[in-house]
């Protein structure tokens, strides 16, 4: 892998090691969410990214509304985390090699099956 013609491979590896927040900023995701007035719930790493991204309050000992805020935030995020875990567990989606619209249809079908059970 030390050949001079593997520049593209090195670039791909570097992109895979990029932090989520850096990748989101690079692709303009926070700006796009804010422009379309879409709210997004994220973890503490996204603190200060923008008004569209909701994050929990950072503090060790929270009381009152701050504690309720973090609890409610965790409940909302857990729905998305669970959905992603379920999608990752489906072998069909791990082996899928097709166009984006077909993948979207397959994901919708998987979600429908999961919600039906």
C-alpha atoms as a PDB file:
ATOM      1  CA  UNK A   1       0.000   0.000   0.000  1.00  0.00           C
ATOM      2  CA  UNK A   2       2.984   2.336  -0.017  1.00  0.00           C
ATOM      3  CA  UNK A   3       2.872   2.756  -3.783  1.00  0.00           C
ATOM      4  CA  UNK A   4       2.668   6.260  -5.163  1.00  0.00           C
ATOM      5  CA  UNK A   5      -0.572   5.567  -7.060  1.00  0.00           C
ATOM      6  CA  UNK A   6      -2.647   4.901  -3.924  1.00  0.00           C
ATOM      7  CA  UNK A   7      -3.449   8.529  -3.155  1.00  0.00           C
ATOM      8  CA  UNK A   8      -7.156   7.863  -3.529  1.00  0.00           C
ATOM      9  CA  UNK A   9      -6.974   5.008  -1.026  1.00  0.00           C
ATOM     10  CA  UNK A  10      -5.254   7.209   1.527  1.00  0.00           C
ATOM     11  CA  UNK A  11      -7.898   9.902   1.047  1.00  0.00           C
ATOM     12  CA  UNK A  12     -10.698   7.378   1.638  1.00  0.00           C
ATOM     13  CA  UNK A  13      -9.054   6.188   4.840  1.00  0.00           C
ATOM     14  CA  UNK A  14      -8.679   9.731   6.122  1.00  0.00           C
ATOM     15  CA  UNK A  15     -12.351  10.429   5.424  1.00  0.00           C
ATOM     16  CA  UNK A  16     -13.394   7.324   7.335  1.00  0.00           C
ATOM     17  CA  UNK A  17     -11.429   8.503  10.366  1.00  0.00           C
ATOM     18  CA  UNK A  18     -13.051  11.954  10.349  1.00  0.00           C
ATOM     19  CA  UNK A  19     -15.191  12.871  13.356  1.00  0.00           C
ATOM     20  CA  UNK A  20     -18.950  13.099  12.780  1.00  0.00           C
ATOM     21  CA  UNK A  21     -19.066  16.827  13.486  1.00  0.00           C
ATOM     22  CA  UNK A  22     -16.248  17.614  11.071  1.00  0.00           C
ATOM     23  CA  UNK A  23     -17.916  15.550   8.357  1.00  0.00           C
ATOM     24  CA  UNK A  24     -21.268  17.229   9.010  1.00  0.00           C
ATOM     25  CA  UNK A  25     -19.720  20.690   8.744  1.00  0.00           C
ATOM     26  CA  UNK A  26     -17.781  19.719   5.616  1.00  0.00           C
ATOM     27  CA  UNK A  27     -20.961  18.609   3.889  1.00  0.00           C
ATOM     28  CA  UNK A  28     -22.974  21.597   5.142  1.00  0.00           C
ATOM     29  CA  UNK A  29     -25.496  19.576   7.121  1.00  0.00           C
ATOM     30  CA  UNK A  30     -25.969  22.034  10.038  1.00  0.00           C
ATOM     31  CA  UNK A  31     -26.513  24.921   7.606  1.00  0.00           C
ATOM     32  CA  UNK A  32     -28.993  22.898   5.538  1.00  0.00           C
ATOM     33  CA  UNK A  33     -30.961  21.942   8.666  1.00  0.00           C
ATOM     34  CA  UNK A  34     -31.091  25.563   9.782  1.00  0.00           C
ATOM     35  CA  UNK A  35     -32.108  26.787   6.314  1.00  0.00           C
ATOM     36  CA  UNK A  36     -35.036  24.342   6.154  1.00  0.00           C
ATOM     37  CA  UNK A  37     -35.935  24.882   9.838  1.00  0.00           C
ATOM     38  CA  UNK A  38     -35.477  21.176  10.656  1.00  0.00           C
ATOM     39  CA  UNK A  39     -34.684  20.279  14.259  1.00  0.00           C
ATOM     40  CA  UNK A  40     -32.159  17.562  14.992  1.00  0.00           C
ATOM     41  CA  UNK A  41     -31.281  15.926  18.328  1.00  0.00           C
ATOM     42  CA  UNK A  42     -27.602  15.112  18.796  1.00  0.00           C
ATOM     43  CA  UNK A  43     -25.151  14.192  21.537  1.00  0.00           C
ATOM     44  CA  UNK A  44     -22.939  16.569  23.544  1.00  0.00           C
ATOM     45  CA  UNK A  45     -20.218  16.572  20.869  1.00  0.00           C
ATOM     46  CA  UNK A  46     -22.423  18.833  18.728  1.00  0.00           C
ATOM     47  CA  UNK A  47     -22.495  21.631  21.343  1.00  0.00           C
ATOM     48  CA  UNK A  48     -22.572  25.045  19.662  1.00  0.00           C
ATOM     49  CA  UNK A  49     -23.001  23.818  16.095  1.00  0.00           C
ATOM     50  CA  UNK A  50     -26.130  25.813  15.428  1.00  0.00           C
ATOM     51  CA  UNK A  51     -29.736  26.480  16.371  1.00  0.00           C
ATOM     52  CA  UNK A  52     -31.118  23.521  14.403  1.00  0.00           C
ATOM     53  CA  UNK A  53     -29.187  20.941  16.406  1.00  0.00           C
ATOM     54  CA  UNK A  54     -30.494  20.265  19.913  1.00  0.00           C
ATOM     55  CA  UNK A  55     -27.996  18.966  22.475  1.00  0.00           C
ATOM     56  CA  UNK A  56     -28.205  17.998  26.149  1.00  0.00           C
ATOM     57  CA  UNK A  57     -26.999  20.386  28.846  1.00  0.00           C
ATOM     58  CA  UNK A  58     -23.446  19.771  30.015  1.00  0.00           C
ATOM     59  CA  UNK A  59     -23.111  19.584  33.763  1.00  0.00           C
ATOM     60  CA  UNK A  60     -22.421  16.905  36.342  1.00  0.00           C
ATOM     61  CA  UNK A  61     -25.213  17.707  38.806  1.00  0.00           C
ATOM     62  CA  UNK A  62     -28.380  18.843  37.113  1.00  0.00           C
ATOM     63  CA  UNK A  63     -31.601  19.752  38.872  1.00  0.00           C
ATOM     64  CA  UNK A  64     -35.081  20.834  37.918  1.00  0.00           C
ATOM     65  CA  UNK A  65     -35.822  21.715  34.308  1.00  0.00           C
ATOM     66  CA  UNK A  66     -32.242  21.007  33.197  1.00  0.00           C
ATOM     67  CA  UNK A  67     -32.493  17.406  34.381  1.00  0.00           C
ATOM     68  CA  UNK A  68     -35.913  17.045  32.694  1.00  0.00           C
ATOM     69  CA  UNK A  69     -34.464  18.557  29.521  1.00  0.00           C
ATOM     70  CA  UNK A  70     -31.667  15.971  29.409  1.00  0.00           C
ATOM     71  CA  UNK A  71     -34.083  13.129  30.208  1.00  0.00           C
ATOM     72  CA  UNK A  72     -36.473  14.166  27.444  1.00  0.00           C
ATOM     73  CA  UNK A  73     -33.572  14.663  25.063  1.00  0.00           C
ATOM     74  CA  UNK A  74     -32.340  11.126  25.783  1.00  0.00           C
ATOM     75  CA  UNK A  75     -35.818   9.693  25.178  1.00  0.00           C
ATOM     76  CA  UNK A  76     -36.040  11.355  21.782  1.00  0.00           C
ATOM     77  CA  UNK A  77     -32.530  10.317  20.760  1.00  0.00           C
ATOM     78  CA  UNK A  78     -33.101   6.737  21.894  1.00  0.00           C
ATOM     79  CA  UNK A  79     -35.786   6.334  19.215  1.00  0.00           C
ATOM     80  CA  UNK A  80     -33.296   7.152  16.469  1.00  0.00           C
ATOM     81  CA  UNK A  81     -30.531   5.082  18.048  1.00  0.00           C
ATOM     82  CA  UNK A  82     -32.820   2.061  18.292  1.00  0.00           C
ATOM     83  CA  UNK A  83     -34.001   2.465  14.715  1.00  0.00           C
ATOM     84  CA  UNK A  84     -30.397   2.546  13.476  1.00  0.00           C
ATOM     85  CA  UNK A  85     -29.510  -0.530  15.541  1.00  0.00           C
ATOM     86  CA  UNK A  86     -32.458  -2.420  14.081  1.00  0.00           C
ATOM     87  CA  UNK A  87     -31.554  -1.420  10.533  1.00  0.00           C
ATOM     88  CA  UNK A  88     -27.952  -2.512  11.059  1.00  0.00           C
ATOM     89  CA  UNK A  89     -29.092  -5.913  12.294  1.00  0.00           C
ATOM     90  CA  UNK A  90     -30.901  -6.750   9.051  1.00  0.00           C
ATOM     91  CA  UNK A  91     -28.544  -8.828   6.912  1.00  0.00           C
ATOM     92  CA  UNK A  92     -30.332  -7.705   3.755  1.00  0.00           C
ATOM     93  CA  UNK A  93     -29.214  -4.109   4.304  1.00  0.00           C
ATOM     94  CA  UNK A  94     -25.617  -5.053   5.063  1.00  0.00           C
ATOM     95  CA  UNK A  95     -25.273  -6.889   1.762  1.00  0.00           C
ATOM     96  CA  UNK A  96     -27.317  -4.437  -0.315  1.00  0.00           C
ATOM     97  CA  UNK A  97     -25.575  -3.092  -3.430  1.00  0.00           C
ATOM     98  CA  UNK A  98     -28.029  -1.027  -5.450  1.00  0.00           C
ATOM     99  CA  UNK A  99     -29.153   2.512  -6.198  1.00  0.00           C
ATOM    100  CA  UNK A 100     -30.178   4.979  -3.485  1.00  0.00           C
ATOM    101  CA  UNK A 101     -33.918   4.967  -4.344  1.00  0.00           C
ATOM    102  CA  UNK A 102     -34.018   1.183  -4.063  1.00  0.00           C
ATOM    103  CA  UNK A 103     -32.199   1.289  -0.737  1.00  0.00           C
ATOM    104  CA  UNK A 104     -34.737   3.836   0.514  1.00  0.00           C
ATOM    105  CA  UNK A 105     -37.590   1.528  -0.470  1.00  0.00           C
ATOM    106  CA  UNK A 106     -35.902  -1.414   1.273  1.00  0.00           C
ATOM    107  CA  UNK A 107     -35.357   0.610   4.455  1.00  0.00           C
ATOM    108  CA  UNK A 108     -39.006   1.688   4.460  1.00  0.00           C
ATOM    109  CA  UNK A 109     -40.050  -1.954   4.126  1.00  0.00           C
ATOM    110  CA  UNK A 110     -37.800  -2.978   7.031  1.00  0.00           C
ATOM    111  CA  UNK A 111     -39.209  -0.200   9.216  1.00  0.00           C
ATOM    112  CA  UNK A 112     -42.758  -1.284   8.321  1.00  0.00           C
ATOM    113  CA  UNK A 113     -41.943  -4.873   9.327  1.00  0.00           C
ATOM    114  CA  UNK A 114     -40.415  -3.720  12.611  1.00  0.00           C
ATOM    115  CA  UNK A 115     -43.366  -1.495  13.460  1.00  0.00           C
ATOM    116  CA  UNK A 116     -45.795  -4.313  12.667  1.00  0.00           C
ATOM    117  CA  UNK A 117     -44.173  -6.624  15.237  1.00  0.00           C
END
